[in-house]
């Protein structure tokens, strides 16, 4: 299952609290397409979405994204311009 870094969890929580203040609000990742993954703030996931929770952060993954991101780590950072950038990394082998 997708894992969030502590930084990603904090940023997702802050972002969602500002954009969709809802108990079930979260980040939704769908795709991938030729352009990559679509990321949006949602009040609740869609039927069939996989929910990943890390602290107070909720991330909803559609079926395709859930399969592709199953062994990945999601990290995030805020740029000096205030934009959020997400990065995916491979989970280290155990």
PDB file of N, CA and C in Angstrom:
ATOM      1  N   UNK A   1       0.839  -1.175   0.000  1.00  0.00           N
ATOM      2  CA  UNK A   1       0.000   0.000   0.000  1.00  0.00           C
ATOM      3  C   UNK A   1       0.888   1.244   0.000  1.00  0.00           C
ATOM      4  N   UNK A   2       0.419   2.306  -0.646  1.00  0.00           N
ATOM      5  CA  UNK A   2       1.136   3.577  -0.680  1.00  0.00           C
ATOM      6  C   UNK A   2       1.442   4.028   0.744  1.00  0.00           C
ATOM      7  N   UNK A   3       2.647   4.534   0.948  1.00  0.00           N
ATOM      8  CA  UNK A   3       3.072   5.055   2.237  1.00  0.00           C
ATOM      9  C   UNK A   3       3.342   6.549   2.085  1.00  0.00           C
ATOM     10  N   UNK A   4       2.942   7.341   3.071  1.00  0.00           N
ATOM     11  CA  UNK A   4       3.216   8.770   3.068  1.00  0.00           C
ATOM     12  C   UNK A   4       4.348   9.067   4.036  1.00  0.00           C
ATOM     13  N   UNK A   5       5.250   9.952   3.625  1.00  0.00           N
ATOM     14  CA  UNK A   5       6.256  10.421   4.564  1.00  0.00           C
ATOM     15  C   UNK A   5       5.574  11.344   5.571  1.00  0.00           C
ATOM     16  N   UNK A   6       6.247  11.626   6.655  1.00  0.00           N
ATOM     17  CA  UNK A   6       5.690  12.544   7.648  1.00  0.00           C
ATOM     18  C   UNK A   6       5.442  13.914   7.031  1.00  0.00           C
ATOM     19  N   UNK A   7       6.376  14.358   6.185  1.00  0.00           N
ATOM     20  CA  UNK A   7       6.231  15.647   5.520  1.00  0.00           C
ATOM     21  C   UNK A   7       5.006  15.654   4.606  1.00  0.00           C
ATOM     22  N   UNK A   8       4.820  14.597   3.835  1.00  0.00           N
ATOM     23  CA  UNK A   8       3.661  14.505   2.948  1.00  0.00           C
ATOM     24  C   UNK A   8       2.368  14.499   3.758  1.00  0.00           C
ATOM     25  N   UNK A   9       2.357  13.762   4.842  1.00  0.00           N
ATOM     26  CA  UNK A   9       1.176  13.704   5.699  1.00  0.00           C
ATOM     27  C   UNK A   9       0.816  15.094   6.230  1.00  0.00           C
ATOM     28  N   UNK A  10       1.814  15.836   6.700  1.00  0.00           N
ATOM     29  CA  UNK A  10       1.577  17.183   7.226  1.00  0.00           C
ATOM     30  C   UNK A  10       1.062  18.127   6.137  1.00  0.00           C
ATOM     31  N   UNK A  11       1.666  18.071   4.955  1.00  0.00           N
ATOM     32  CA  UNK A  11       1.272  18.963   3.862  1.00  0.00           C
ATOM     33  C   UNK A  11      -0.125  18.621   3.363  1.00  0.00           C
ATOM     34  N   UNK A  12      -0.432  17.331   3.202  1.00  0.00           N
ATOM     35  CA  UNK A  12      -1.773  16.931   2.767  1.00  0.00           C
ATOM     36  C   UNK A  12      -2.810  17.396   3.781  1.00  0.00           C
ATOM     37  N   UNK A  13      -2.544  17.207   5.053  1.00  0.00           N
ATOM     38  CA  UNK A  13      -3.483  17.627   6.096  1.00  0.00           C
ATOM     39  C   UNK A  13      -3.729  19.134   6.028  1.00  0.00           C
ATOM     40  N   UNK A  14      -2.671  19.922   5.929  1.00  0.00           N
ATOM     41  CA  UNK A  14      -2.803  21.381   5.856  1.00  0.00           C
ATOM     42  C   UNK A  14      -3.555  21.798   4.596  1.00  0.00           C
ATOM     43  N   UNK A  15      -3.193  21.225   3.479  1.00  0.00           N
ATOM     44  CA  UNK A  15      -3.824  21.551   2.194  1.00  0.00           C
ATOM     45  C   UNK A  15      -5.321  21.242   2.216  1.00  0.00           C
ATOM     46  N   UNK A  16      -5.667  20.079   2.689  1.00  0.00           N
ATOM     47  CA  UNK A  16      -7.076  19.667   2.703  1.00  0.00           C
ATOM     48  C   UNK A  16      -7.870  20.499   3.701  1.00  0.00           C
ATOM     49  N   UNK A  17      -7.312  20.787   4.861  1.00  0.00           N
ATOM     50  CA  UNK A  17      -8.021  21.615   5.845  1.00  0.00           C
ATOM     51  C   UNK A  17      -8.350  22.995   5.294  1.00  0.00           C
ATOM     52  N   UNK A  18      -7.501  23.525   4.414  1.00  0.00           N
ATOM     53  CA  UNK A  18      -7.740  24.829   3.803  1.00  0.00           C
ATOM     54  C   UNK A  18      -8.737  24.749   2.651  1.00  0.00           C
ATOM     55  N   UNK A  19      -8.677  23.682   1.852  1.00  0.00           N
ATOM     56  CA  UNK A  19      -9.469  23.617   0.625  1.00  0.00           C
ATOM     57  C   UNK A  19     -10.811  22.925   0.794  1.00  0.00           C
ATOM     58  N   UNK A  20     -10.869  21.862   1.546  1.00  0.00           N
ATOM     59  CA  UNK A  20     -12.117  21.105   1.717  1.00  0.00           C
ATOM     60  C   UNK A  20     -12.262  20.682   3.173  1.00  0.00           C
ATOM     61  N   UNK A  21     -12.569  21.646   4.036  1.00  0.00           N
ATOM     62  CA  UNK A  21     -12.683  21.307   5.457  1.00  0.00           C
ATOM     63  C   UNK A  21     -13.866  20.367   5.703  1.00  0.00           C
ATOM     64  N   UNK A  22     -13.578  19.095   5.674  1.00  0.00           N
ATOM     65  CA  UNK A  22     -14.582  18.054   5.850  1.00  0.00           C
ATOM     66  C   UNK A  22     -13.929  16.900   6.596  1.00  0.00           C
ATOM     67  N   UNK A  23     -14.686  16.232   7.431  1.00  0.00           N
ATOM     68  CA  UNK A  23     -14.138  15.106   8.192  1.00  0.00           C
ATOM     69  C   UNK A  23     -13.565  14.032   7.264  1.00  0.00           C
ATOM     70  N   UNK A  24     -14.191  13.845   6.104  1.00  0.00           N
ATOM     71  CA  UNK A  24     -13.735  12.835   5.151  1.00  0.00           C
ATOM     72  C   UNK A  24     -12.899  13.414   4.022  1.00  0.00           C
ATOM     73  N   UNK A  25     -12.601  14.724   4.089  1.00  0.00           N
ATOM     74  CA  UNK A  25     -11.832  15.369   3.034  1.00  0.00           C
ATOM     75  C   UNK A  25     -10.456  14.759   2.893  1.00  0.00           C
ATOM     76  N   UNK A  26      -9.988  14.726   1.659  1.00  0.00           N
ATOM     77  CA  UNK A  26      -8.677  14.156   1.413  1.00  0.00           C
ATOM     78  C   UNK A  26      -8.156  14.493   0.038  1.00  0.00           C
ATOM     79  N   UNK A  27      -7.014  13.972  -0.249  1.00  0.00           N
ATOM     80  CA  UNK A  27      -6.382  14.108  -1.550  1.00  0.00           C
ATOM     81  C   UNK A  27      -6.774  12.880  -2.356  1.00  0.00           C
ATOM     82  N   UNK A  28      -7.212  13.073  -3.613  1.00  0.00           N
ATOM     83  CA  UNK A  28      -7.570  11.925  -4.454  1.00  0.00           C
ATOM     84  C   UNK A  28      -6.582  11.839  -5.603  1.00  0.00           C
ATOM     85  N   UNK A  29      -6.025  10.652  -5.793  1.00  0.00           N
ATOM     86  CA  UNK A  29      -5.083  10.400  -6.875  1.00  0.00           C
ATOM     87  C   UNK A  29      -5.726   9.409  -7.832  1.00  0.00           C
ATOM     88  N   UNK A  30      -5.765   9.781  -9.110  1.00  0.00           N
ATOM     89  CA  UNK A  30      -6.298   8.885 -10.129  1.00  0.00           C
ATOM     90  C   UNK A  30      -5.315   8.808 -11.289  1.00  0.00           C
ATOM     91  N   UNK A  31      -5.462   7.746 -12.068  1.00  0.00           N
ATOM     92  CA  UNK A  31      -4.562   7.569 -13.211  1.00  0.00           C
ATOM     93  C   UNK A  31      -3.737   6.306 -13.016  1.00  0.00           C
ATOM     94  N   UNK A  32      -2.670   6.186 -13.701  1.00  0.00           N
ATOM     95  CA  UNK A  32      -1.981   7.215 -14.462  1.00  0.00           C
ATOM     96  C   UNK A  32      -2.503   7.330 -15.897  1.00  0.00           C
ATOM     97  N   UNK A  33      -2.247   8.486 -16.500  1.00  0.00           N
ATOM     98  CA  UNK A  33      -2.504   8.723 -17.909  1.00  0.00           C
ATOM     99  C   UNK A  33      -1.164   9.040 -18.554  1.00  0.00           C
ATOM    100  N   UNK A  34      -1.179   9.419 -19.809  1.00  0.00           N
ATOM    101  CA  UNK A  34       0.064   9.797 -20.481  1.00  0.00           C
ATOM    102  C   UNK A  34       0.730  10.997 -19.814  1.00  0.00           C
ATOM    103  N   UNK A  35      -0.084  11.853 -19.157  1.00  0.00           N
ATOM    104  CA  UNK A  35       0.444  13.039 -18.496  1.00  0.00           C
ATOM    105  C   UNK A  35       0.851  12.778 -17.049  1.00  0.00           C
ATOM    106  N   UNK A  36       0.558  11.612 -16.525  1.00  0.00           N
ATOM    107  CA  UNK A  36       0.878  11.297 -15.135  1.00  0.00           C
ATOM    108  C   UNK A  36      -0.387  11.074 -14.328  1.00  0.00           C
ATOM    109  N   UNK A  37      -0.320  11.340 -13.060  1.00  0.00           N
ATOM    110  CA  UNK A  37      -1.460  11.143 -12.165  1.00  0.00           C
ATOM    111  C   UNK A  37      -2.230  12.450 -12.011  1.00  0.00           C
ATOM    112  N   UNK A  38      -3.533  12.339 -11.830  1.00  0.00           N
ATOM    113  CA  UNK A  38      -4.365  13.495 -11.514  1.00  0.00           C
ATOM    114  C   UNK A  38      -4.514  13.546  -9.997  1.00  0.00           C
ATOM    115  N   UNK A  39      -4.307  14.722  -9.422  1.00  0.00           N
ATOM    116  CA  UNK A  39      -4.406  14.897  -7.976  1.00  0.00           C
ATOM    117  C   UNK A  39      -5.408  16.015  -7.712  1.00  0.00           C
ATOM    118  N   UNK A  40      -6.369  15.748  -6.831  1.00  0.00           N
ATOM    119  CA  UNK A  40      -7.363  16.764  -6.505  1.00  0.00           C
ATOM    120  C   UNK A  40      -7.756  16.661  -5.039  1.00  0.00           C
ATOM    121  N   UNK A  41      -8.232  17.786  -4.501  1.00  0.00           N
ATOM    122  CA  UNK A  41      -8.770  17.815  -3.143  1.00  0.00           C
ATOM    123  C   UNK A  41     -10.255  17.481  -3.242  1.00  0.00           C
ATOM    124  N   UNK A  42     -10.705  16.520  -2.427  1.00  0.00           N
ATOM    125  CA  UNK A  42     -12.100  16.075  -2.495  1.00  0.00           C
ATOM    126  C   UNK A  42     -12.712  16.035  -1.097  1.00  0.00           C
ATOM    127  N   UNK A  43     -14.038  16.185  -1.057  1.00  0.00           N
ATOM    128  CA  UNK A  43     -14.749  16.100   0.215  1.00  0.00           C
ATOM    129  C   UNK A  43     -14.852  14.658   0.706  1.00  0.00           C
ATOM    130  N   UNK A  44     -14.845  13.720  -0.236  1.00  0.00           N
ATOM    131  CA  UNK A  44     -14.919  12.292   0.094  1.00  0.00           C
ATOM    132  C   UNK A  44     -14.444  11.515  -1.132  1.00  0.00           C
ATOM    133  N   UNK A  45     -13.926  10.319  -0.908  1.00  0.00           N
ATOM    134  CA  UNK A  45     -13.488   9.485  -2.021  1.00  0.00           C
ATOM    135  C   UNK A  45     -14.669   8.972  -2.829  1.00  0.00           C
ATOM    136  N   UNK A  46     -14.366   8.373  -3.966  1.00  0.00           N
ATOM    137  CA  UNK A  46     -15.384   7.790  -4.837  1.00  0.00           C
ATOM    138  C   UNK A  46     -15.575   6.318  -4.464  1.00  0.00           C
ATOM    139  N   UNK A  47     -16.738   5.755  -4.813  1.00  0.00           N
ATOM    140  CA  UNK A  47     -16.940   4.322  -4.559  1.00  0.00           C
ATOM    141  C   UNK A  47     -15.828   3.505  -5.225  1.00  0.00           C
ATOM    142  N   UNK A  48     -15.272   2.573  -4.497  1.00  0.00           N
ATOM    143  CA  UNK A  48     -14.194   1.726  -5.023  1.00  0.00           C
ATOM    144  C   UNK A  48     -12.798   2.256  -4.756  1.00  0.00           C
ATOM    145  N   UNK A  49     -12.681   3.502  -4.274  1.00  0.00           N
ATOM    146  CA  UNK A  49     -11.363   4.055  -3.957  1.00  0.00           C
ATOM    147  C   UNK A  49     -10.758   3.328  -2.759  1.00  0.00           C
ATOM    148  N   UNK A  50      -9.439   3.247  -2.747  1.00  0.00           N
ATOM    149  CA  UNK A  50      -8.700   2.745  -1.600  1.00  0.00           C
ATOM    150  C   UNK A  50      -8.317   3.934  -0.742  1.00  0.00           C
ATOM    151  N   UNK A  51      -8.544   3.842   0.548  1.00  0.00           N
ATOM    152  CA  UNK A  51      -8.204   4.925   1.465  1.00  0.00           C
ATOM    153  C   UNK A  51      -6.884   4.615   2.155  1.00  0.00           C
ATOM    154  N   UNK A  52      -5.957   5.567   2.071  1.00  0.00           N
ATOM    155  CA  UNK A  52      -4.689   5.490   2.781  1.00  0.00           C
ATOM    156  C   UNK A  52      -4.710   6.610   3.810  1.00  0.00           C
ATOM    157  N   UNK A  53      -4.516   6.260   5.083  1.00  0.00           N
ATOM    158  CA  UNK A  53      -4.499   7.258   6.148  1.00  0.00           C
ATOM    159  C   UNK A  53      -3.124   7.274   6.799  1.00  0.00           C
ATOM    160  N   UNK A  54      -2.654   8.479   7.054  1.00  0.00           N
ATOM    161  CA  UNK A  54      -1.373   8.673   7.720  1.00  0.00           C
ATOM    162  C   UNK A  54      -1.536   9.871   8.640  1.00  0.00           C
ATOM    163  N   UNK A  55      -1.597   9.628   9.935  1.00  0.00           N
ATOM    164  CA  UNK A  55      -1.922  10.711  10.861  1.00  0.00           C
ATOM    165  C   UNK A  55      -3.325  11.197  10.554  1.00  0.00           C
ATOM    166  N   UNK A  56      -3.478  12.498  10.361  1.00  0.00           N
ATOM    167  CA  UNK A  56      -4.775  13.064  10.001  1.00  0.00           C
ATOM    168  C   UNK A  56      -4.991  13.124   8.495  1.00  0.00           C
ATOM    169  N   UNK A  57      -3.975  12.792   7.709  1.00  0.00           N
ATOM    170  CA  UNK A  57      -4.062  12.877   6.252  1.00  0.00           C
ATOM    171  C   UNK A  57      -4.818  11.675   5.684  1.00  0.00           C
ATOM    172  N   UNK A  58      -5.701  11.982   4.730  1.00  0.00           N
ATOM    173  CA  UNK A  58      -6.415  10.939   3.996  1.00  0.00           C
ATOM    174  C   UNK A  58      -6.078  11.080   2.518  1.00  0.00           C
ATOM    175  N   UNK A  59      -5.706   9.973   1.883  1.00  0.00           N
ATOM    176  CA  UNK A  59      -5.440   9.941   0.455  1.00  0.00           C
ATOM    177  C   UNK A  59      -6.294   8.839  -0.140  1.00  0.00           C
ATOM    178  N   UNK A  60      -7.103   9.220  -1.131  1.00  0.00           N
ATOM    179  CA  UNK A  60      -7.957   8.267  -1.832  1.00  0.00           C
ATOM    180  C   UNK A  60      -7.291   7.918  -3.157  1.00  0.00           C
ATOM    181  N   UNK A  61      -7.233   6.628  -3.464  1.00  0.00           N
ATOM    182  CA  UNK A  61      -6.624   6.155  -4.702  1.00  0.00           C
ATOM    183  C   UNK A  61      -7.673   5.431  -5.529  1.00  0.00           C
ATOM    184  N   UNK A  62      -7.814   5.812  -6.813  1.00  0.00           N
ATOM    185  CA  UNK A  62      -8.716   5.044  -7.658  1.00  0.00           C
ATOM    186  C   UNK A  62      -8.074   3.681  -7.931  1.00  0.00           C
ATOM    187  N   UNK A  63      -8.804   2.780  -8.559  1.00  0.00           N
ATOM    188  CA  UNK A  63      -8.328   1.407  -8.745  1.00  0.00           C
ATOM    189  C   UNK A  63      -6.986   1.304  -9.433  1.00  0.00           C
ATOM    190  N   UNK A  64      -6.810   2.044 -10.537  1.00  0.00           N
ATOM    191  CA  UNK A  64      -5.551   1.975 -11.286  1.00  0.00           C
ATOM    192  C   UNK A  64      -4.403   2.553 -10.468  1.00  0.00           C
ATOM    193  N   UNK A  65      -4.629   3.699  -9.846  1.00  0.00           N
ATOM    194  CA  UNK A  65      -3.579   4.326  -9.041  1.00  0.00           C
ATOM    195  C   UNK A  65      -3.186   3.435  -7.863  1.00  0.00           C
ATOM    196  N   UNK A  66      -4.177   2.792  -7.264  1.00  0.00           N
ATOM    197  CA  UNK A  66      -3.907   1.911  -6.129  1.00  0.00           C
ATOM    198  C   UNK A  66      -2.948   0.788  -6.520  1.00  0.00           C
ATOM    199  N   UNK A  67      -3.147   0.225  -7.707  1.00  0.00           N
ATOM    200  CA  UNK A  67      -2.274  -0.864  -8.166  1.00  0.00           C
ATOM    201  C   UNK A  67      -0.864  -0.360  -8.477  1.00  0.00           C
ATOM    202  N   UNK A  68      -0.784   0.754  -9.188  1.00  0.00           N
ATOM    203  CA  UNK A  68       0.518   1.274  -9.609  1.00  0.00           C
ATOM    204  C   UNK A  68       1.334   1.797  -8.424  1.00  0.00           C
ATOM    205  N   UNK A  69       0.651   2.380  -7.438  1.00  0.00           N
ATOM    206  CA  UNK A  69       1.347   3.013  -6.313  1.00  0.00           C
ATOM    207  C   UNK A  69       1.483   2.114  -5.097  1.00  0.00           C
ATOM    208  N   UNK A  70       1.121   0.861  -5.233  1.00  0.00           N
ATOM    209  CA  UNK A  70       1.099  -0.071  -4.103  1.00  0.00           C
ATOM    210  C   UNK A  70       2.426  -0.156  -3.362  1.00  0.00           C
ATOM    211  N   UNK A  71       3.539  -0.069  -4.070  1.00  0.00           N
ATOM    212  CA  UNK A  71       4.851  -0.231  -3.430  1.00  0.00           C
ATOM    213  C   UNK A  71       5.647   1.078  -3.405  1.00  0.00           C
ATOM    214  N   UNK A  72       4.935   2.208  -3.421  1.00  0.00           N
ATOM    215  CA  UNK A  72       5.594   3.511  -3.508  1.00  0.00           C
ATOM    216  C   UNK A  72       5.474   4.297  -2.202  1.00  0.00           C
ATOM    217  N   UNK A  73       6.334   5.312  -2.099  1.00  0.00           N
ATOM    218  CA  UNK A  73       6.318   6.259  -0.987  1.00  0.00           C
ATOM    219  C   UNK A  73       6.007   7.626  -1.584  1.00  0.00           C
ATOM    220  N   UNK A  74       5.039   8.329  -0.993  1.00  0.00           N
ATOM    221  CA  UNK A  74       4.690   9.672  -1.430  1.00  0.00           C
ATOM    222  C   UNK A  74       5.335  10.682  -0.493  1.00  0.00           C
ATOM    223  N   UNK A  75       6.106  11.595  -1.072  1.00  0.00           N
ATOM    224  CA  UNK A  75       6.705  12.677  -0.312  1.00  0.00           C
ATOM    225  C   UNK A  75       6.188  13.985  -0.896  1.00  0.00           C
ATOM    226  N   UNK A  76       6.302  15.063  -0.160  1.00  0.00           N
ATOM    227  CA  UNK A  76       5.842  16.363  -0.622  1.00  0.00           C
ATOM    228  C   UNK A  76       6.705  17.453  -0.018  1.00  0.00           C
ATOM    229  N   UNK A  77       6.736  18.567  -0.725  1.00  0.00           N
ATOM    230  CA  UNK A  77       7.419  19.747  -0.210  1.00  0.00           C
ATOM    231  C   UNK A  77       6.718  20.981  -0.753  1.00  0.00           C
ATOM    232  N   UNK A  78       6.889  22.085  -0.064  1.00  0.00           N
ATOM    233  CA  UNK A  78       6.354  23.368  -0.501  1.00  0.00           C
ATOM    234  C   UNK A  78       7.524  24.169  -1.065  1.00  0.00           C
ATOM    235  N   UNK A  79       7.352  24.670  -2.306  1.00  0.00           N
ATOM    236  CA  UNK A  79       8.418  25.441  -2.943  1.00  0.00           C
ATOM    237  C   UNK A  79       8.488  26.834  -2.344  1.00  0.00           C
ATOM    238  N   UNK A  80       9.535  27.565  -2.684  1.00  0.00           N
ATOM    239  CA  UNK A  80       9.685  28.936  -2.186  1.00  0.00           C
ATOM    240  C   UNK A  80       8.566  29.841  -2.695  1.00  0.00           C
ATOM    241  N   UNK A  81       7.898  29.439  -3.786  1.00  0.00           N
ATOM    242  CA  UNK A  81       6.767  30.204  -4.325  1.00  0.00           C
ATOM    243  C   UNK A  81       5.449  29.800  -3.673  1.00  0.00           C
ATOM    244  N   UNK A  82       5.478  28.800  -2.791  1.00  0.00           N
ATOM    245  CA  UNK A  82       4.267  28.363  -2.095  1.00  0.00           C
ATOM    246  C   UNK A  82       3.513  27.244  -2.784  1.00  0.00           C
ATOM    247  N   UNK A  83       4.052  26.698  -3.862  1.00  0.00           N
ATOM    248  CA  UNK A  83       3.407  25.583  -4.563  1.00  0.00           C
ATOM    249  C   UNK A  83       3.788  24.268  -3.893  1.00  0.00           C
ATOM    250  N   UNK A  84       2.882  23.311  -3.946  1.00  0.00           N
ATOM    251  CA  UNK A  84       3.148  21.985  -3.391  1.00  0.00           C
ATOM    252  C   UNK A  84       3.656  21.080  -4.509  1.00  0.00           C
ATOM    253  N   UNK A  85       4.742  20.390  -4.251  1.00  0.00           N
ATOM    254  CA  UNK A  85       5.294  19.415  -5.191  1.00  0.00           C
ATOM    255  C   UNK A  85       5.271  18.046  -4.536  1.00  0.00           C
ATOM    256  N   UNK A  86       4.740  17.071  -5.271  1.00  0.00           N
ATOM    257  CA  UNK A  86       4.706  15.694  -4.799  1.00  0.00           C
ATOM    258  C   UNK A  86       5.747  14.879  -5.541  1.00  0.00           C
ATOM    259  N   UNK A  87       6.385  13.945  -4.833  1.00  0.00           N
ATOM    260  CA  UNK A  87       7.367  13.048  -5.437  1.00  0.00           C
ATOM    261  C   UNK A  87       7.036  11.616  -5.017  1.00  0.00           C
ATOM    262  N   UNK A  88       7.249  10.711  -5.950  1.00  0.00           N
ATOM    263  CA  UNK A  88       7.078   9.284  -5.661  1.00  0.00           C
ATOM    264  C   UNK A  88       8.439   8.620  -5.635  1.00  0.00           C
ATOM    265  N   UNK A  89       8.626   7.706  -4.714  1.00  0.00           N
ATOM    266  CA  UNK A  89       9.865   6.946  -4.615  1.00  0.00           C
ATOM    267  C   UNK A  89       9.516   5.479  -4.405  1.00  0.00           C
ATOM    268  N   UNK A  90      10.449   4.628  -4.760  1.00  0.00           N
ATOM    269  CA  UNK A  90      10.285   3.196  -4.521  1.00  0.00           C
ATOM    270  C   UNK A  90      10.472   2.923  -3.029  1.00  0.00           C
ATOM    271  N   UNK A  91       9.694   2.019  -2.507  1.00  0.00           N
ATOM    272  CA  UNK A  91       9.885   1.580  -1.124  1.00  0.00           C
ATOM    273  C   UNK A  91      11.129   0.690  -1.088  1.00  0.00           C
ATOM    274  N   UNK A  92      12.023   0.907  -0.140  1.00  0.00           N
ATOM    275  CA  UNK A  92      13.227   0.081  -0.058  1.00  0.00           C
ATOM    276  C   UNK A  92      12.871  -1.399   0.155  1.00  0.00           C
ATOM    277  N   UNK A  93      13.664  -2.262  -0.467  1.00  0.00           N
ATOM    278  CA  UNK A  93      13.453  -3.706  -0.276  1.00  0.00           C
ATOM    279  C   UNK A  93      13.765  -4.077   1.162  1.00  0.00           C
ATOM    280  N   UNK A  94      13.010  -5.019   1.677  1.00  0.00           N
ATOM    281  CA  UNK A  94      13.221  -5.433   3.073  1.00  0.00           C
ATOM    282  C   UNK A  94      13.822  -6.793   3.148  1.00  0.00           C
TER     283      UNK A  94
END
